[in-house]
Amino acid sequence: MEVDIIRAQHAALREAVGALLSLSATPAQRVARAAAATERAFASGLPVWAEHEVATIRALTRGASEAALALDARQLAELTAAFLDLYTVACREYWTA
């Protein structure tokens, strides 16, 4: 059961990273899609290993629509690092599950 949850989290976080790398969406659309995929990944609960990065993602994206999401370069760098770090840890969890 736990393995299935970890695999689903990993898949959703892979989707989040894919959204960030999209070549056909605006930066605001990419961030909004990645944030939504992250929320889906942890809809059933937030594991300890994801708390810090998810808190960063939520702090930078919560309450902003795609149209209103305007982040400066520092915030985008922080957000990108949070997504990549989260995906990296999810990979470790996935492969050790």
Protein backbone atom coordinates (compact mmCIF):
# COMPACT_ATOMS: atom_id res chain seq x y z
CA MET A 1 0.00 0.00 0.00
CA GLU A 2 2.71 2.51 0.96
CA VAL A 3 4.67 1.63 -2.16
CA ASP A 4 1.64 2.52 -4.30
CA ILE A 5 1.35 5.90 -2.57
CA ILE A 6 5.04 6.64 -3.10
CA ARG A 7 4.80 5.66 -6.76
CA ALA A 8 1.77 7.92 -7.24
CA GLN A 9 3.59 10.79 -5.53
CA HIS A 10 6.61 10.24 -7.74
CA ALA A 11 4.46 10.23 -10.89
CA ALA A 12 2.72 13.47 -9.91
CA LEU A 13 6.03 15.14 -9.09
CA ARG A 14 7.44 13.98 -12.42
CA GLU A 15 4.41 15.66 -14.00
CA ALA A 16 5.25 18.83 -12.02
CA VAL A 17 8.80 18.89 -13.33
CA GLY A 18 7.49 18.23 -16.84
CA ALA A 19 5.12 21.19 -16.50
CA LEU A 20 8.02 23.41 -15.48
CA LEU A 21 9.95 22.34 -18.56
CA SER A 22 7.06 22.86 -20.99
CA LEU A 23 8.03 24.68 -24.15
CA SER A 24 4.45 25.53 -25.08
CA ALA A 25 3.26 27.35 -21.96
CA THR A 26 3.98 30.72 -20.41
CA PRO A 27 6.06 30.84 -17.22
CA ALA A 28 2.93 31.54 -15.15
CA GLN A 29 1.12 28.58 -16.73
CA ARG A 30 4.10 26.30 -16.12
CA VAL A 31 4.34 27.29 -12.46
CA ALA A 32 0.59 26.96 -11.91
CA ARG A 33 0.49 23.51 -13.51
CA ALA A 34 3.52 22.34 -11.54
CA ALA A 35 2.02 23.61 -8.29
CA ALA A 36 -1.27 21.84 -9.04
CA ALA A 37 0.55 18.57 -9.77
CA THR A 38 2.43 18.92 -6.48
CA GLU A 39 -0.83 19.41 -4.58
CA ARG A 40 -2.23 16.28 -6.25
CA ALA A 41 0.88 14.36 -5.24
CA PHE A 42 0.23 15.02 -1.58
CA ALA A 43 -3.56 15.15 -1.50
CA SER A 44 -3.67 12.18 0.86
CA GLY A 45 -1.07 13.59 3.24
CA LEU A 46 2.29 15.29 3.32
CA PRO A 47 5.24 13.08 4.31
CA VAL A 48 8.02 14.53 6.44
CA TRP A 49 10.55 14.30 3.62
CA ALA A 50 8.47 16.69 1.50
CA GLU A 51 7.49 19.30 4.10
CA HIS A 52 10.17 21.93 3.49
CA GLU A 53 9.96 22.00 -0.30
CA VAL A 54 6.16 21.86 -0.40
CA ALA A 55 6.00 24.73 2.11
CA THR A 56 8.25 26.78 -0.18
CA ILE A 57 6.15 25.96 -3.23
CA ARG A 58 2.93 26.80 -1.42
CA ALA A 59 4.30 30.06 -0.04
CA LEU A 60 5.28 31.24 -3.52
CA THR A 61 2.20 30.06 -5.40
CA ARG A 62 -0.75 29.93 -3.01
CA GLY A 63 -3.66 32.17 -3.83
CA ALA A 64 -2.31 33.30 -7.20
CA SER A 65 -4.15 32.52 -10.40
CA GLU A 66 -2.18 31.82 -13.56
CA ALA A 67 -2.81 35.36 -14.75
CA ALA A 68 -1.76 36.93 -11.44
CA LEU A 69 1.29 34.75 -10.84
CA ALA A 70 4.21 37.12 -11.30
CA LEU A 71 7.40 36.03 -9.59
CA ASP A 72 10.71 37.84 -9.72
CA ALA A 73 13.93 36.08 -10.74
CA ARG A 74 14.89 35.23 -7.14
CA GLN A 75 11.47 33.72 -6.44
CA LEU A 76 11.56 31.72 -9.66
CA ALA A 77 14.99 30.37 -8.76
CA GLU A 78 13.80 29.45 -5.27
CA LEU A 79 10.68 27.80 -6.67
CA THR A 80 12.64 25.85 -9.28
CA ALA A 81 15.08 24.61 -6.65
CA ALA A 82 12.19 23.51 -4.42
CA PHE A 83 10.59 21.52 -7.25
CA LEU A 84 13.88 19.87 -8.24
CA ASP A 85 14.84 19.06 -4.65
CA LEU A 86 11.40 17.62 -4.02
CA TYR A 87 11.58 15.48 -7.15
CA THR A 88 15.07 14.29 -6.23
CA VAL A 89 13.92 13.12 -2.80
CA ALA A 90 10.81 11.55 -4.34
CA CYS A 91 13.09 9.56 -6.66
CA ARG A 92 15.00 8.27 -3.66
CA GLU A 93 11.75 7.32 -1.92
CA TYR A 94 10.49 5.66 -5.09
CA TRP A 95 13.60 3.55 -5.62
CA THR A 96 13.89 2.49 -2.00
CA ALA A 97 10.18 1.64 -1.57
